[in-house]
């Protein structure tokens, strides 16, 4: 919990840490990089974590309960905090972290736009994966199919999972 949250009060995003941890774990699954041929680089790992996070945010946004919509914002804050820390760990200085964070948030917004229709449409999922995971050129059609099919299974599992289970970090495995 941040110092300001402790002093001023406000929503406690630490309750969503198990969910965020599960999402990062899914995004780092070696199968994405081995069978799916996603580049095992900082950018490739970011792409997978952002794709998984986007699908969860899309799922939570479908809920009508205000608490679940606020959970999306808190989950995004955990992502921002994690990405900020990662940038600093790799040596990005304070003066340019904000610029990089702006790009990261823009990329997440792009994933949300791309994966929203893809979460329920296999053809749209393949296009979203091709553009958002394999930016320049996919290593093979089989790699795109593998990643698209796994993400589609993940999205379907999210749709079938109760929101309370998701918030507790009980995330279906793709």
N, C-alpha and C. Protein backbone atom coordinates (compact mmCIF):
# COMPACT_ATOMS: atom_id res chain seq x y z
N UNK A 1 0.86 -1.17 0.00
CA UNK A 1 0.00 0.00 0.00
C UNK A 1 0.90 1.23 0.00
N UNK A 2 0.57 2.20 -0.83
CA UNK A 2 1.41 3.39 -0.92
C UNK A 2 1.25 4.26 0.32
N UNK A 3 2.23 5.11 0.55
CA UNK A 3 2.21 6.01 1.70
C UNK A 3 0.99 6.93 1.64
N UNK A 4 0.70 7.48 0.47
CA UNK A 4 -0.46 8.37 0.35
C UNK A 4 -1.77 7.65 0.65
N UNK A 5 -1.89 6.41 0.20
CA UNK A 5 -3.11 5.65 0.49
C UNK A 5 -3.26 5.42 1.98
N UNK A 6 -2.12 5.12 2.65
CA UNK A 6 -2.19 4.89 4.09
C UNK A 6 -2.55 6.17 4.84
N UNK A 7 -2.03 7.30 4.39
CA UNK A 7 -2.29 8.57 5.08
C UNK A 7 -3.69 9.10 4.77
N UNK A 8 -4.01 9.16 3.48
CA UNK A 8 -5.26 9.78 3.05
C UNK A 8 -6.42 8.81 2.90
N UNK A 9 -6.14 7.54 2.96
CA UNK A 9 -7.20 6.57 2.72
C UNK A 9 -7.38 6.37 1.22
N UNK A 10 -8.35 5.60 0.86
CA UNK A 10 -8.58 5.33 -0.55
C UNK A 10 -8.61 3.84 -0.78
N UNK A 11 -8.86 3.45 -1.98
CA UNK A 11 -8.98 2.02 -2.26
C UNK A 11 -7.66 1.28 -2.05
N UNK A 12 -7.78 0.10 -1.52
CA UNK A 12 -6.61 -0.73 -1.24
C UNK A 12 -6.43 -1.72 -2.40
N UNK A 13 -5.43 -1.46 -3.23
CA UNK A 13 -5.24 -2.33 -4.38
C UNK A 13 -4.45 -3.59 -4.03
N UNK A 14 -3.94 -3.68 -2.81
CA UNK A 14 -3.19 -4.88 -2.43
C UNK A 14 -4.07 -6.12 -2.47
N UNK A 15 -5.38 -5.94 -2.32
CA UNK A 15 -6.28 -7.11 -2.37
C UNK A 15 -6.29 -7.73 -3.76
N UNK A 16 -5.86 -6.97 -4.78
CA UNK A 16 -5.82 -7.48 -6.15
C UNK A 16 -4.44 -8.03 -6.52
N UNK A 17 -3.50 -7.99 -5.59
CA UNK A 17 -2.16 -8.49 -5.89
C UNK A 17 -2.16 -9.95 -6.31
N UNK A 18 -2.95 -10.85 -5.67
CA UNK A 18 -2.97 -12.24 -6.15
C UNK A 18 -3.44 -12.35 -7.61
N UNK A 19 -4.40 -11.55 -8.00
CA UNK A 19 -4.86 -11.56 -9.39
C UNK A 19 -3.75 -11.08 -10.31
N UNK A 20 -3.12 -9.97 -9.97
CA UNK A 20 -2.06 -9.43 -10.82
C UNK A 20 -0.90 -10.42 -10.92
N UNK A 21 -0.53 -11.04 -9.81
CA UNK A 21 0.54 -12.03 -9.79
C UNK A 21 0.21 -13.20 -10.71
N UNK A 22 -1.04 -13.66 -10.68
CA UNK A 22 -1.47 -14.77 -11.55
C UNK A 22 -1.39 -14.36 -13.02
N UNK A 23 -1.76 -13.13 -13.33
CA UNK A 23 -1.71 -12.67 -14.72
C UNK A 23 -0.28 -12.61 -15.23
N UNK A 24 0.62 -12.11 -14.41
CA UNK A 24 2.03 -12.04 -14.81
C UNK A 24 2.57 -13.45 -15.00
N UNK A 25 2.19 -14.35 -14.12
CA UNK A 25 2.63 -15.75 -14.24
C UNK A 25 2.17 -16.35 -15.57
N UNK A 26 0.93 -16.08 -15.95
CA UNK A 26 0.41 -16.59 -17.23
C UNK A 26 1.18 -15.96 -18.39
N UNK A 27 1.42 -14.66 -18.32
CA UNK A 27 2.15 -13.97 -19.38
C UNK A 27 3.59 -14.42 -19.52
N UNK A 28 4.14 -14.96 -18.45
CA UNK A 28 5.53 -15.43 -18.48
C UNK A 28 5.64 -16.93 -18.75
N UNK A 29 4.52 -17.60 -18.95
CA UNK A 29 4.53 -19.04 -19.21
C UNK A 29 5.48 -19.34 -20.37
N UNK A 30 6.47 -20.20 -20.16
CA UNK A 30 7.44 -20.50 -21.22
C UNK A 30 6.82 -21.01 -22.52
N UNK A 31 5.65 -21.59 -22.47
CA UNK A 31 5.02 -22.12 -23.69
C UNK A 31 4.75 -21.01 -24.72
N UNK A 32 4.43 -19.80 -24.26
CA UNK A 32 4.22 -18.69 -25.20
C UNK A 32 5.46 -18.48 -26.06
N UNK A 33 6.61 -18.61 -25.43
CA UNK A 33 7.88 -18.29 -26.06
C UNK A 33 8.46 -19.49 -26.82
N UNK A 34 8.14 -20.68 -26.33
CA UNK A 34 8.65 -21.89 -26.96
C UNK A 34 7.74 -22.29 -28.12
N UNK A 35 6.54 -22.76 -27.81
CA UNK A 35 5.61 -23.21 -28.85
C UNK A 35 5.02 -22.06 -29.65
N UNK A 36 4.73 -20.96 -28.98
CA UNK A 36 4.12 -19.82 -29.65
C UNK A 36 5.13 -18.91 -30.34
N UNK A 37 6.40 -19.12 -30.11
CA UNK A 37 7.48 -18.38 -30.74
C UNK A 37 7.39 -16.86 -30.52
N UNK A 38 6.74 -16.45 -29.42
CA UNK A 38 6.76 -15.04 -29.04
C UNK A 38 8.20 -14.71 -28.70
N UNK A 39 8.72 -13.59 -29.17
CA UNK A 39 10.11 -13.25 -28.84
C UNK A 39 10.31 -13.20 -27.31
N UNK A 40 11.30 -13.94 -26.83
CA UNK A 40 11.59 -13.96 -25.39
C UNK A 40 12.51 -12.80 -25.07
N UNK A 41 11.92 -11.60 -25.14
CA UNK A 41 12.61 -10.34 -24.90
C UNK A 41 11.77 -9.52 -23.94
N UNK A 42 12.30 -8.38 -23.52
CA UNK A 42 11.49 -7.48 -22.68
C UNK A 42 10.20 -7.10 -23.40
N UNK A 43 10.30 -6.77 -24.68
CA UNK A 43 9.11 -6.38 -25.44
C UNK A 43 8.14 -7.55 -25.61
N UNK A 44 8.66 -8.73 -25.88
CA UNK A 44 7.80 -9.91 -26.03
C UNK A 44 7.07 -10.24 -24.75
N UNK A 45 7.78 -10.16 -23.64
CA UNK A 45 7.13 -10.44 -22.34
C UNK A 45 6.11 -9.37 -22.00
N UNK A 46 6.44 -8.11 -22.30
CA UNK A 46 5.47 -7.05 -22.09
C UNK A 46 4.22 -7.32 -22.92
N UNK A 47 4.40 -7.70 -24.18
CA UNK A 47 3.26 -7.96 -25.07
C UNK A 47 2.35 -9.04 -24.50
N UNK A 48 2.93 -10.11 -23.96
CA UNK A 48 2.10 -11.19 -23.43
C UNK A 48 1.40 -10.77 -22.14
N UNK A 49 2.10 -10.10 -21.26
CA UNK A 49 1.47 -9.65 -20.01
C UNK A 49 0.36 -8.65 -20.32
N UNK A 50 0.61 -7.73 -21.25
CA UNK A 50 -0.40 -6.74 -21.62
C UNK A 50 -1.61 -7.40 -22.27
N UNK A 51 -1.39 -8.43 -23.08
CA UNK A 51 -2.52 -9.14 -23.71
C UNK A 51 -3.38 -9.85 -22.66
N UNK A 52 -2.73 -10.53 -21.74
CA UNK A 52 -3.45 -11.24 -20.68
C UNK A 52 -4.20 -10.24 -19.80
N UNK A 53 -3.53 -9.16 -19.41
CA UNK A 53 -4.16 -8.13 -18.60
C UNK A 53 -5.35 -7.52 -19.34
N UNK A 54 -5.19 -7.23 -20.61
CA UNK A 54 -6.28 -6.63 -21.38
C UNK A 54 -7.50 -7.54 -21.38
N UNK A 55 -7.31 -8.84 -21.55
CA UNK A 55 -8.46 -9.76 -21.55
C UNK A 55 -9.16 -9.78 -20.19
N UNK A 56 -8.40 -9.68 -19.12
CA UNK A 56 -9.02 -9.64 -17.78
C UNK A 56 -9.76 -8.32 -17.58
N UNK A 57 -9.16 -7.22 -17.98
CA UNK A 57 -9.83 -5.92 -17.84
C UNK A 57 -11.12 -5.89 -18.66
N UNK A 58 -11.09 -6.45 -19.85
CA UNK A 58 -12.30 -6.53 -20.68
C UNK A 58 -13.37 -7.35 -19.97
N UNK A 59 -12.96 -8.46 -19.37
CA UNK A 59 -13.91 -9.32 -18.64
C UNK A 59 -14.51 -8.56 -17.45
N UNK A 60 -13.68 -7.87 -16.69
CA UNK A 60 -14.19 -7.14 -15.52
C UNK A 60 -15.10 -5.98 -15.94
N UNK A 61 -14.79 -5.35 -17.06
CA UNK A 61 -15.60 -4.23 -17.52
C UNK A 61 -17.00 -4.65 -17.95
N UNK A 62 -17.18 -5.92 -18.23
CA UNK A 62 -18.52 -6.41 -18.61
C UNK A 62 -19.46 -6.49 -17.41
N UNK A 63 -18.88 -6.45 -16.22
CA UNK A 63 -19.68 -6.54 -15.00
C UNK A 63 -20.38 -5.22 -14.73
N UNK A 64 -21.55 -5.31 -14.16
CA UNK A 64 -22.30 -4.09 -13.87
C UNK A 64 -21.98 -3.51 -12.50
N UNK A 65 -21.48 -4.35 -11.61
CA UNK A 65 -21.21 -3.90 -10.25
C UNK A 65 -20.09 -2.86 -10.24
N UNK A 66 -20.34 -1.77 -9.57
CA UNK A 66 -19.36 -0.67 -9.49
C UNK A 66 -18.04 -1.13 -8.89
N UNK A 67 -18.11 -2.01 -7.91
CA UNK A 67 -16.90 -2.51 -7.25
C UNK A 67 -15.98 -3.21 -8.25
N UNK A 68 -16.57 -3.95 -9.18
CA UNK A 68 -15.76 -4.66 -10.15
C UNK A 68 -15.15 -3.72 -11.18
N UNK A 69 -15.87 -2.68 -11.52
CA UNK A 69 -15.30 -1.69 -12.43
C UNK A 69 -14.15 -0.95 -11.76
N UNK A 70 -14.28 -0.67 -10.47
CA UNK A 70 -13.17 -0.01 -9.78
C UNK A 70 -11.99 -0.97 -9.64
N UNK A 71 -12.28 -2.27 -9.59
CA UNK A 71 -11.19 -3.25 -9.54
C UNK A 71 -10.34 -3.17 -10.80
N UNK A 72 -10.96 -2.87 -11.93
CA UNK A 72 -10.20 -2.71 -13.18
C UNK A 72 -9.19 -1.57 -13.05
N UNK A 73 -9.64 -0.47 -12.48
CA UNK A 73 -8.75 0.68 -12.30
C UNK A 73 -7.61 0.34 -11.34
N UNK A 74 -7.93 -0.36 -10.28
CA UNK A 74 -6.89 -0.73 -9.30
C UNK A 74 -5.91 -1.73 -9.90
N UNK A 75 -6.41 -2.66 -10.70
CA UNK A 75 -5.54 -3.63 -11.37
C UNK A 75 -4.60 -2.91 -12.34
N UNK A 76 -5.13 -1.92 -13.03
CA UNK A 76 -4.30 -1.12 -13.94
C UNK A 76 -3.22 -0.37 -13.16
N UNK A 77 -3.57 0.11 -11.97
CA UNK A 77 -2.57 0.79 -11.13
C UNK A 77 -1.44 -0.17 -10.74
N UNK A 78 -1.78 -1.42 -10.44
CA UNK A 78 -0.74 -2.40 -10.13
C UNK A 78 0.17 -2.61 -11.33
N UNK A 79 -0.41 -2.67 -12.51
CA UNK A 79 0.36 -2.81 -13.74
C UNK A 79 1.31 -1.62 -13.91
N UNK A 80 0.79 -0.42 -13.72
CA UNK A 80 1.60 0.79 -13.86
C UNK A 80 2.76 0.76 -12.86
N UNK A 81 2.46 0.41 -11.63
CA UNK A 81 3.49 0.34 -10.60
C UNK A 81 4.57 -0.68 -10.97
N UNK A 82 4.14 -1.83 -11.47
CA UNK A 82 5.07 -2.89 -11.87
C UNK A 82 5.94 -2.44 -13.04
N UNK A 83 5.31 -1.85 -14.05
CA UNK A 83 6.06 -1.40 -15.23
C UNK A 83 7.03 -0.27 -14.87
N UNK A 84 6.59 0.64 -14.02
CA UNK A 84 7.46 1.72 -13.56
C UNK A 84 8.69 1.14 -12.87
N UNK A 85 8.47 0.19 -11.98
CA UNK A 85 9.58 -0.45 -11.27
C UNK A 85 10.51 -1.20 -12.23
N UNK A 86 9.93 -1.85 -13.22
CA UNK A 86 10.74 -2.58 -14.21
C UNK A 86 11.61 -1.63 -15.01
N UNK A 87 11.03 -0.51 -15.43
CA UNK A 87 11.80 0.48 -16.18
C UNK A 87 12.98 0.98 -15.36
N UNK A 88 12.74 1.25 -14.10
CA UNK A 88 13.81 1.75 -13.23
C UNK A 88 14.88 0.68 -13.02
N UNK A 89 14.45 -0.58 -12.92
CA UNK A 89 15.41 -1.67 -12.73
C UNK A 89 16.35 -1.83 -13.92
N UNK A 90 15.84 -1.57 -15.13
CA UNK A 90 16.71 -1.73 -16.30
C UNK A 90 17.50 -0.47 -16.59
N UNK A 91 17.39 0.52 -15.71
CA UNK A 91 18.25 1.69 -15.80
C UNK A 91 17.65 2.91 -16.46
N UNK A 92 16.35 2.93 -16.69
CA UNK A 92 15.71 4.12 -17.25
C UNK A 92 15.68 5.18 -16.15
N UNK A 93 16.17 6.35 -16.43
CA UNK A 93 16.26 7.41 -15.43
C UNK A 93 14.94 8.11 -15.18
N UNK A 94 14.87 8.77 -14.04
CA UNK A 94 13.66 9.47 -13.61
C UNK A 94 13.13 10.45 -14.66
N UNK A 95 14.04 11.09 -15.37
CA UNK A 95 13.61 12.12 -16.32
C UNK A 95 12.82 11.57 -17.50
N UNK A 96 13.02 10.31 -17.84
CA UNK A 96 12.31 9.76 -19.01
C UNK A 96 11.35 8.63 -18.67
N UNK A 97 11.25 8.26 -17.40
CA UNK A 97 10.31 7.20 -17.02
C UNK A 97 8.89 7.59 -17.42
N UNK A 98 8.52 8.83 -17.18
CA UNK A 98 7.17 9.29 -17.52
C UNK A 98 6.85 9.13 -18.99
N UNK A 99 7.81 9.44 -19.83
CA UNK A 99 7.62 9.30 -21.28
C UNK A 99 7.40 7.83 -21.65
N UNK A 100 8.20 6.95 -21.07
CA UNK A 100 8.05 5.52 -21.32
C UNK A 100 6.71 5.01 -20.78
N UNK A 101 6.32 5.50 -19.61
CA UNK A 101 5.04 5.07 -19.04
C UNK A 101 3.88 5.52 -19.92
N UNK A 102 3.99 6.68 -20.52
CA UNK A 102 2.96 7.13 -21.45
C UNK A 102 2.82 6.18 -22.62
N UNK A 103 3.95 5.72 -23.14
CA UNK A 103 3.93 4.75 -24.25
C UNK A 103 3.33 3.42 -23.79
N UNK A 104 3.70 3.00 -22.60
CA UNK A 104 3.18 1.73 -22.06
C UNK A 104 1.67 1.80 -21.90
N UNK A 105 1.17 2.90 -21.36
CA UNK A 105 -0.28 3.04 -21.18
C UNK A 105 -0.99 3.12 -22.53
N UNK A 106 -0.36 3.78 -23.50
CA UNK A 106 -0.91 3.81 -24.85
C UNK A 106 -0.97 2.42 -25.45
N UNK A 107 0.07 1.63 -25.21
CA UNK A 107 0.10 0.26 -25.71
C UNK A 107 -0.98 -0.59 -25.05
N UNK A 108 -1.18 -0.41 -23.74
CA UNK A 108 -2.25 -1.15 -23.06
C UNK A 108 -3.61 -0.74 -23.62
N UNK A 109 -3.81 0.55 -23.84
CA UNK A 109 -5.06 1.02 -24.43
C UNK A 109 -5.27 0.41 -25.81
N UNK A 110 -4.21 0.32 -26.59
CA UNK A 110 -4.30 -0.32 -27.90
C UNK A 110 -4.68 -1.78 -27.79
N UNK A 111 -4.13 -2.47 -26.81
CA UNK A 111 -4.47 -3.88 -26.60
C UNK A 111 -5.95 -4.01 -26.22
N UNK A 112 -6.42 -3.11 -25.37
CA UNK A 112 -7.84 -3.16 -24.99
C UNK A 112 -8.73 -3.02 -26.23
N UNK A 113 -8.39 -2.07 -27.09
CA UNK A 113 -9.17 -1.88 -28.31
C UNK A 113 -9.09 -3.07 -29.24
N UNK A 114 -7.92 -3.67 -29.36
CA UNK A 114 -7.74 -4.80 -30.27
C UNK A 114 -8.36 -6.08 -29.74
N UNK A 115 -8.24 -6.31 -28.43
CA UNK A 115 -8.71 -7.57 -27.87
C UNK A 115 -10.18 -7.55 -27.46
N UNK A 116 -10.81 -6.38 -27.40
CA UNK A 116 -12.23 -6.34 -27.04
C UNK A 116 -13.07 -7.17 -28.02
N UNK A 117 -13.00 -6.93 -29.33
CA UNK A 117 -13.77 -7.80 -30.23
C UNK A 117 -13.16 -9.20 -30.32
N UNK A 118 -11.87 -9.32 -30.09
CA UNK A 118 -11.19 -10.61 -30.20
C UNK A 118 -11.56 -11.56 -29.08
N UNK A 119 -12.03 -11.02 -27.96
CA UNK A 119 -12.35 -11.89 -26.82
C UNK A 119 -13.51 -12.82 -27.11
N UNK A 120 -14.27 -12.56 -28.17
CA UNK A 120 -15.41 -13.42 -28.51
C UNK A 120 -15.41 -13.86 -29.98
N UNK A 121 -14.35 -13.56 -30.73
CA UNK A 121 -14.31 -13.86 -32.16
C UNK A 121 -12.92 -14.38 -32.53
N UNK A 122 -12.85 -15.65 -32.97
CA UNK A 122 -11.57 -16.29 -33.26
C UNK A 122 -10.79 -15.57 -34.36
N UNK A 123 -11.48 -15.14 -35.41
CA UNK A 123 -10.79 -14.45 -36.51
C UNK A 123 -10.20 -13.12 -36.02
N UNK A 124 -10.97 -12.40 -35.20
CA UNK A 124 -10.48 -11.13 -34.65
C UNK A 124 -9.32 -11.38 -33.70
N UNK A 125 -9.34 -12.50 -32.98
CA UNK A 125 -8.24 -12.83 -32.06
C UNK A 125 -6.96 -13.04 -32.86
N UNK A 126 -7.05 -13.76 -33.96
CA UNK A 126 -5.86 -14.01 -34.78
C UNK A 126 -5.27 -12.69 -35.28
N UNK A 127 -6.13 -11.78 -35.73
CA UNK A 127 -5.67 -10.48 -36.21
C UNK A 127 -5.03 -9.68 -35.07
N UNK A 128 -5.68 -9.70 -33.91
CA UNK A 128 -5.15 -8.97 -32.74
C UNK A 128 -3.79 -9.51 -32.33
N UNK A 129 -3.65 -10.82 -32.33
CA UNK A 129 -2.37 -11.43 -31.96
C UNK A 129 -1.30 -11.06 -32.99
N UNK A 130 -1.65 -11.17 -34.26
CA UNK A 130 -0.69 -10.86 -35.31
C UNK A 130 -0.17 -9.43 -35.19
N UNK A 131 -1.05 -8.50 -34.88
CA UNK A 131 -0.65 -7.08 -34.80
C UNK A 131 -0.06 -6.67 -33.46
N UNK A 132 -0.48 -7.32 -32.38
CA UNK A 132 -0.09 -6.86 -31.05
C UNK A 132 0.95 -7.73 -30.35
N UNK A 133 1.17 -8.91 -30.86
CA UNK A 133 2.19 -9.78 -30.28
C UNK A 133 3.37 -9.89 -31.26
N UNK A 134 3.05 -10.11 -32.52
CA UNK A 134 4.07 -10.23 -33.56
C UNK A 134 4.00 -8.97 -34.42
N UNK A 135 4.56 -7.90 -33.94
CA UNK A 135 4.41 -6.57 -34.54
C UNK A 135 4.86 -6.51 -35.99
N UNK A 136 6.05 -6.95 -36.25
CA UNK A 136 6.58 -6.80 -37.60
C UNK A 136 6.24 -8.00 -38.46
N UNK A 137 6.54 -9.18 -38.00
CA UNK A 137 6.24 -10.38 -38.78
C UNK A 137 6.26 -11.58 -37.85
N UNK A 138 5.22 -12.38 -37.97
CA UNK A 138 5.16 -13.59 -37.16
C UNK A 138 6.18 -14.59 -37.68
N UNK A 139 6.75 -15.40 -36.79
CA UNK A 139 7.71 -16.40 -37.24
C UNK A 139 7.06 -17.47 -38.12
N UNK A 140 5.77 -17.75 -37.87
CA UNK A 140 5.04 -18.72 -38.69
C UNK A 140 3.55 -18.57 -38.43
N UNK A 141 2.76 -19.06 -39.36
CA UNK A 141 1.30 -19.05 -39.18
C UNK A 141 0.92 -19.93 -37.99
N UNK A 142 1.67 -21.01 -37.78
CA UNK A 142 1.40 -21.90 -36.65
C UNK A 142 1.61 -21.19 -35.32
N UNK A 143 2.61 -20.33 -35.25
CA UNK A 143 2.86 -19.58 -34.01
C UNK A 143 1.70 -18.64 -33.71
N UNK A 144 1.23 -17.92 -34.73
CA UNK A 144 0.09 -17.02 -34.54
C UNK A 144 -1.13 -17.82 -34.10
N UNK A 145 -1.37 -18.96 -34.76
CA UNK A 145 -2.52 -19.80 -34.40
C UNK A 145 -2.41 -20.30 -32.97
N UNK A 146 -1.21 -20.72 -32.57
CA UNK A 146 -1.01 -21.22 -31.21
C UNK A 146 -1.35 -20.14 -30.18
N UNK A 147 -0.78 -18.96 -30.35
CA UNK A 147 -1.00 -17.88 -29.39
C UNK A 147 -2.46 -17.44 -29.41
N UNK A 148 -3.04 -17.31 -30.60
CA UNK A 148 -4.44 -16.89 -30.71
C UNK A 148 -5.38 -17.90 -30.07
N UNK A 149 -5.14 -19.18 -30.30
CA UNK A 149 -6.00 -20.21 -29.71
C UNK A 149 -5.89 -20.24 -28.19
N UNK A 150 -4.68 -20.11 -27.67
CA UNK A 150 -4.51 -20.08 -26.21
C UNK A 150 -5.16 -18.86 -25.58
N UNK A 151 -4.99 -17.70 -26.21
CA UNK A 151 -5.63 -16.50 -25.67
C UNK A 151 -7.15 -16.60 -25.77
N UNK A 152 -7.66 -17.20 -26.84
CA UNK A 152 -9.11 -17.38 -26.97
C UNK A 152 -9.63 -18.32 -25.88
N UNK A 153 -8.88 -19.40 -25.58
CA UNK A 153 -9.28 -20.30 -24.49
C UNK A 153 -9.26 -19.56 -23.16
N UNK A 154 -8.25 -18.73 -22.98
CA UNK A 154 -8.15 -17.94 -21.75
C UNK A 154 -9.36 -17.00 -21.62
N UNK A 155 -9.71 -16.30 -22.70
CA UNK A 155 -10.86 -15.39 -22.69
C UNK A 155 -12.14 -16.15 -22.39
N UNK A 156 -12.30 -17.33 -22.98
CA UNK A 156 -13.50 -18.14 -22.72
C UNK A 156 -13.53 -18.59 -21.25
N UNK A 157 -12.38 -18.95 -20.72
CA UNK A 157 -12.31 -19.33 -19.31
C UNK A 157 -12.65 -18.16 -18.40
N UNK A 158 -12.19 -16.97 -18.76
CA UNK A 158 -12.53 -15.78 -17.98
C UNK A 158 -14.04 -15.53 -17.99
N UNK A 159 -14.66 -15.70 -19.16
CA UNK A 159 -16.10 -15.49 -19.27
C UNK A 159 -16.88 -16.45 -18.38
N UNK A 160 -16.36 -17.67 -18.21
CA UNK A 160 -17.04 -18.66 -17.40
C UNK A 160 -16.72 -18.58 -15.91
N UNK A 161 -15.76 -17.77 -15.55
CA UNK A 161 -15.34 -17.69 -14.14
C UNK A 161 -16.14 -16.62 -13.41
N UNK A 162 -16.54 -16.92 -12.18
CA UNK A 162 -17.22 -15.89 -11.38
C UNK A 162 -16.26 -14.74 -11.09
N UNK A 163 -16.77 -13.54 -11.10
CA UNK A 163 -15.96 -12.35 -10.86
C UNK A 163 -15.27 -12.43 -9.50
N UNK A 164 -15.96 -12.96 -8.50
CA UNK A 164 -15.36 -13.04 -7.16
C UNK A 164 -14.13 -13.94 -7.17
N UNK A 165 -14.16 -15.01 -7.95
CA UNK A 165 -13.00 -15.90 -8.05
C UNK A 165 -11.85 -15.19 -8.75
N UNK A 166 -12.16 -14.45 -9.81
CA UNK A 166 -11.11 -13.71 -10.51
C UNK A 166 -10.44 -12.71 -9.59
N UNK A 167 -11.25 -11.96 -8.84
CA UNK A 167 -10.69 -10.95 -7.93
C UNK A 167 -9.81 -11.57 -6.87
N UNK A 168 -10.08 -12.85 -6.53
CA UNK A 168 -9.28 -13.55 -5.53
C UNK A 168 -8.01 -14.14 -6.14
N UNK A 169 -7.84 -13.97 -7.46
CA UNK A 169 -6.64 -14.50 -8.12
C UNK A 169 -6.81 -15.89 -8.68
N UNK A 170 -8.03 -16.40 -8.68
CA UNK A 170 -8.31 -17.73 -9.24
C UNK A 170 -8.63 -17.55 -10.71
N UNK A 171 -7.58 -17.59 -11.52
CA UNK A 171 -7.67 -17.30 -12.93
C UNK A 171 -7.57 -18.60 -13.72
N UNK A 172 -8.44 -18.81 -14.72
CA UNK A 172 -8.33 -20.01 -15.53
C UNK A 172 -7.01 -20.01 -16.30
N UNK A 173 -6.46 -21.17 -16.47
CA UNK A 173 -5.20 -21.30 -17.22
C UNK A 173 -5.52 -21.51 -18.69
N UNK A 174 -4.77 -20.83 -19.56
CA UNK A 174 -5.03 -21.01 -20.99
C UNK A 174 -4.52 -22.35 -21.49
